[in-house]
Amino acid sequence: RRALGALEKERDERVMHVAETARARLEGDARHHTLMLELRAHEAAIAEGEAALSSSAAELEERTRELERQLDELAETLRDQGASVDRARDEVRAIEGRLERVEGRHKRIEIERRALLDVARRKLGPAGGALPPEMVGPLAELDAREAALRPELEEARATLEAARALRDAAVSARELTHQRALEVRARRDAFTNRRTQELA
């Protein structure tokens, strides 16, 4: 096998020598001047095309690498944003639970107040009148409890609204990054296909 390889190498060298010798003779013969000019122009065009193809392939490869780098960064951003969305959703659920408890306390106060007033109306009858003395204290206590609870209720509602806004913003930011990643991936695939076609 080594001997065969040596023979093939020797053959190729002889072919190259014959070609170079023949070309030198042709170039020295005025009768083939036009032919040699055309041959040189053809060779120059081939070399230029090969250089352009090499440059284009290198440029496509560089752009593909840059898009791959962007995709890596976007993937990391998506992971961070996903964690932010999860935290925001957990915060919303926690505040919703707190608000539900406060609203439950407020609702119980309203139920007690209505029940107390219903008893008072039955006692007073159709004629109506002032609230029975024994009910003034309990009603005042319920009013005080409701007044004390109102700031906590309003604060919980406002906090929930703000938390929902932050959650929605986090979701929107993640969606925008996801769309950006899809666009970059599409561009990367397009450059990869072009590079494959040009190298084919």
Protein backbone atom coordinates (compact mmCIF):
# COMPACT_ATOMS: atom_id res chain seq x y z
CA ARG A 1 0.00 0.00 0.00
CA ARG A 2 2.91 2.38 0.79
CA ALA A 3 4.46 1.53 -2.56
CA LEU A 4 1.20 2.31 -4.35
CA GLY A 5 0.98 5.65 -2.56
CA ALA A 6 4.51 6.52 -3.59
CA LEU A 7 3.76 5.67 -7.20
CA GLU A 8 0.61 7.83 -7.19
CA LYS A 9 2.56 10.74 -5.73
CA GLU A 10 5.26 10.37 -8.37
CA ARG A 11 2.57 10.25 -11.09
CA ASP A 12 0.91 13.45 -9.79
CA GLU A 13 4.25 15.25 -9.70
CA ARG A 14 4.97 14.25 -13.29
CA VAL A 15 1.53 15.41 -14.42
CA MET A 16 2.07 18.77 -12.73
CA HIS A 17 5.50 19.09 -14.34
CA VAL A 18 4.10 18.34 -17.80
CA ALA A 19 1.28 20.85 -17.29
CA GLU A 20 3.65 23.58 -16.13
CA THR A 21 6.03 22.90 -19.02
CA ALA A 22 3.20 22.93 -21.58
CA ARG A 23 1.84 26.17 -20.15
CA ALA A 24 5.26 27.82 -20.32
CA ARG A 25 5.56 26.84 -23.97
CA LEU A 26 2.08 28.11 -24.77
CA GLU A 27 2.73 31.42 -23.06
CA GLY A 28 5.94 31.82 -25.06
CA ASP A 29 4.16 31.20 -28.34
CA ALA A 30 2.57 34.36 -29.82
CA ARG A 31 0.04 32.27 -31.72
CA HIS A 32 -1.61 31.30 -28.41
CA HIS A 33 -1.49 34.76 -26.88
CA THR A 34 -5.27 35.34 -27.02
CA LEU A 35 -5.95 31.86 -25.67
CA MET A 36 -3.61 32.42 -22.72
CA LEU A 37 -5.23 35.76 -21.94
CA GLU A 38 -8.61 34.08 -21.81
CA LEU A 39 -7.18 31.30 -19.65
CA ARG A 40 -5.65 33.79 -17.20
CA ALA A 41 -8.95 35.74 -17.02
CA HIS A 42 -10.81 32.50 -16.35
CA GLU A 43 -8.35 31.52 -13.61
CA ALA A 44 -8.61 34.98 -12.04
CA ALA A 45 -12.41 34.75 -12.04
CA ILE A 46 -12.22 31.35 -10.37
CA ALA A 47 -9.81 32.64 -7.74
CA GLU A 48 -11.98 35.69 -7.10
CA GLY A 49 -15.06 33.51 -6.75
CA GLU A 50 -13.29 31.19 -4.35
CA ALA A 51 -12.09 34.16 -2.30
CA ALA A 52 -15.58 35.66 -2.22
CA LEU A 53 -17.07 32.32 -1.23
CA SER A 54 -14.52 31.90 1.52
CA SER A 55 -15.18 35.42 2.79
CA SER A 56 -18.94 34.91 2.65
CA ALA A 57 -18.71 31.58 4.47
CA ALA A 58 -16.50 33.14 7.15
CA GLU A 59 -18.94 36.03 7.56
CA LEU A 60 -21.89 33.65 7.85
CA GLU A 61 -20.02 31.57 10.39
CA GLU A 62 -19.20 34.67 12.44
CA ARG A 63 -22.81 35.84 12.36
CA THR A 64 -24.00 32.38 13.33
CA ARG A 65 -21.63 32.35 16.32
CA GLU A 66 -22.89 35.79 17.37
CA LEU A 67 -26.50 34.62 17.18
CA GLU A 68 -25.62 31.52 19.18
CA ARG A 69 -24.11 33.79 21.84
CA GLN A 70 -27.28 35.88 21.88
CA LEU A 71 -29.38 32.74 22.24
CA ASP A 72 -27.31 31.64 25.24
CA GLU A 73 -27.80 35.05 26.86
CA LEU A 74 -31.54 35.00 26.12
CA ALA A 75 -31.84 31.50 27.58
CA GLU A 76 -30.21 32.71 30.79
CA THR A 77 -32.47 35.77 30.85
CA LEU A 78 -35.52 33.54 30.38
CA ARG A 79 -34.47 31.41 33.34
CA ASP A 80 -34.10 34.51 35.53
CA GLN A 81 -37.39 35.94 34.30
CA GLY A 82 -39.13 32.62 34.86
CA ALA A 83 -37.95 32.67 38.47
CA SER A 84 -39.19 36.27 38.80
CA VAL A 85 -42.61 35.27 37.45
CA ASP A 86 -42.81 32.40 39.94
CA ARG A 87 -41.91 34.70 42.84
CA ALA A 88 -44.44 37.30 41.68
CA ARG A 89 -47.17 34.68 41.43
CA ASP A 90 -46.33 33.34 44.88
CA GLU A 91 -46.52 36.89 46.26
CA VAL A 92 -49.92 37.44 44.64
CA ARG A 93 -51.26 34.20 46.08
CA ALA A 94 -49.97 35.10 49.54
CA ILE A 95 -51.58 38.55 49.44
CA GLU A 96 -54.81 37.10 48.06
CA GLY A 97 -54.89 34.76 51.06
CA ARG A 98 -54.28 37.63 53.43
CA LEU A 99 -56.98 39.75 51.77
CA GLU A 100 -59.41 36.84 51.89
CA ARG A 101 -58.89 36.54 55.63
CA VAL A 102 -59.33 40.27 56.21
CA GLU A 103 -62.44 40.35 54.02
CA GLY A 104 -63.79 37.37 55.97
CA ARG A 105 -63.40 39.25 59.23
CA HIS A 106 -65.03 42.31 57.68
CA LYS A 107 -67.92 40.22 56.38
CA ARG A 108 -68.51 38.68 59.81
CA ILE A 109 -68.71 42.15 61.34
CA GLU A 110 -71.27 43.18 58.72
CA ILE A 111 -73.30 40.04 59.38
CA GLU A 112 -73.28 40.68 63.13
CA ARG A 113 -74.25 44.31 62.57
CA ARG A 114 -77.18 43.40 60.31
CA ALA A 115 -78.35 40.75 62.78
CA LEU A 116 -78.22 43.26 65.63
CA LEU A 117 -80.20 45.84 63.66
CA ASP A 118 -82.77 43.19 62.69
CA VAL A 119 -83.32 42.38 66.38
CA ALA A 120 -83.67 46.08 67.13
CA ARG A 121 -86.25 46.56 64.37
CA ARG A 122 -88.30 43.64 65.67
CA LYS A 123 -88.23 45.07 69.15
CA LEU A 124 -89.21 48.52 68.01
CA GLY A 125 -91.99 47.23 65.79
CA PRO A 126 -93.65 49.13 62.94
CA ALA A 127 -93.56 52.37 64.88
CA GLY A 128 -89.77 52.40 64.95
CA GLY A 129 -87.91 54.71 67.27
CA ALA A 130 -84.54 55.02 68.97
CA LEU A 131 -82.22 52.07 69.27
CA PRO A 132 -82.84 50.14 72.51
CA PRO A 133 -80.23 51.09 75.13
CA GLU A 134 -78.99 47.54 75.53
CA MET A 135 -78.03 47.49 71.86
CA VAL A 136 -76.20 50.79 71.69
CA GLY A 137 -73.01 49.36 73.20
CA PRO A 138 -72.79 46.24 70.98
CA LEU A 139 -73.53 48.31 67.85
CA ALA A 140 -70.86 50.86 68.79
CA GLU A 141 -68.40 48.03 69.34
CA LEU A 142 -69.14 46.58 65.90
CA ASP A 143 -68.74 50.03 64.30
CA ALA A 144 -65.39 50.44 66.06
CA ARG A 145 -64.19 47.02 64.93
CA GLU A 146 -65.19 47.81 61.36
CA ALA A 147 -63.46 51.20 61.45
CA ALA A 148 -60.31 49.61 62.85
CA LEU A 149 -60.34 46.93 60.18
CA ARG A 150 -60.97 49.29 57.25
CA PRO A 151 -57.34 50.54 56.87
CA GLU A 152 -56.04 46.95 56.89
CA LEU A 153 -58.63 46.00 54.28
CA GLU A 154 -57.77 48.94 52.04
CA GLU A 155 -54.04 48.32 52.44
CA ALA A 156 -54.44 44.64 51.50
CA ARG A 157 -56.45 45.54 48.42
CA ALA A 158 -53.90 48.13 47.31
CA THR A 159 -51.02 45.73 47.95
CA LEU A 160 -52.76 43.04 45.92
CA GLU A 161 -53.32 45.43 43.02
CA ALA A 162 -49.63 46.40 43.04
CA ALA A 163 -48.52 42.76 43.27
CA ARG A 164 -50.73 41.80 40.34
CA ALA A 165 -49.27 44.67 38.30
CA LEU A 166 -45.73 43.44 39.07
CA ARG A 167 -46.71 39.89 38.18
CA ASP A 168 -48.23 40.99 34.87
CA ALA A 169 -45.13 43.05 34.08
CA ALA A 170 -42.89 40.05 34.83
CA VAL A 171 -45.01 37.82 32.59
CA SER A 172 -44.91 40.42 29.78
CA ALA A 173 -41.14 40.80 30.07
CA ARG A 174 -40.66 37.05 29.87
CA GLU A 175 -42.96 36.85 26.84
CA LEU A 176 -41.01 39.60 25.07
CA THR A 177 -37.75 37.77 25.74
CA HIS A 178 -39.30 34.54 24.46
CA GLN A 179 -40.38 36.27 21.25
CA ARG A 180 -36.90 37.75 20.87
CA ALA A 181 -35.38 34.29 21.31
CA LEU A 182 -37.67 32.91 18.59
CA GLU A 183 -36.60 35.69 16.22
CA VAL A 184 -32.89 35.16 16.92
CA ARG A 185 -33.26 31.40 16.54
CA ALA A 186 -34.97 31.89 13.17
CA ARG A 187 -32.14 34.17 12.02
CA ARG A 188 -29.55 31.68 13.26
CA ASP A 189 -31.24 28.86 11.35
CA ALA A 190 -31.41 31.01 8.20
CA PHE A 191 -27.68 31.80 8.37
CA THR A 192 -26.90 28.14 9.02
CA ASN A 193 -28.90 27.08 5.97
CA ARG A 194 -27.21 29.70 3.78
CA ARG A 195 -23.81 28.60 5.00
CA THR A 196 -24.66 24.97 4.30
CA GLN A 197 -25.87 25.82 0.78
CA GLU A 198 -22.80 27.89 -0.04
CA LEU A 199 -20.46 25.17 1.17
CA ALA A 200 -22.36 22.48 -0.75
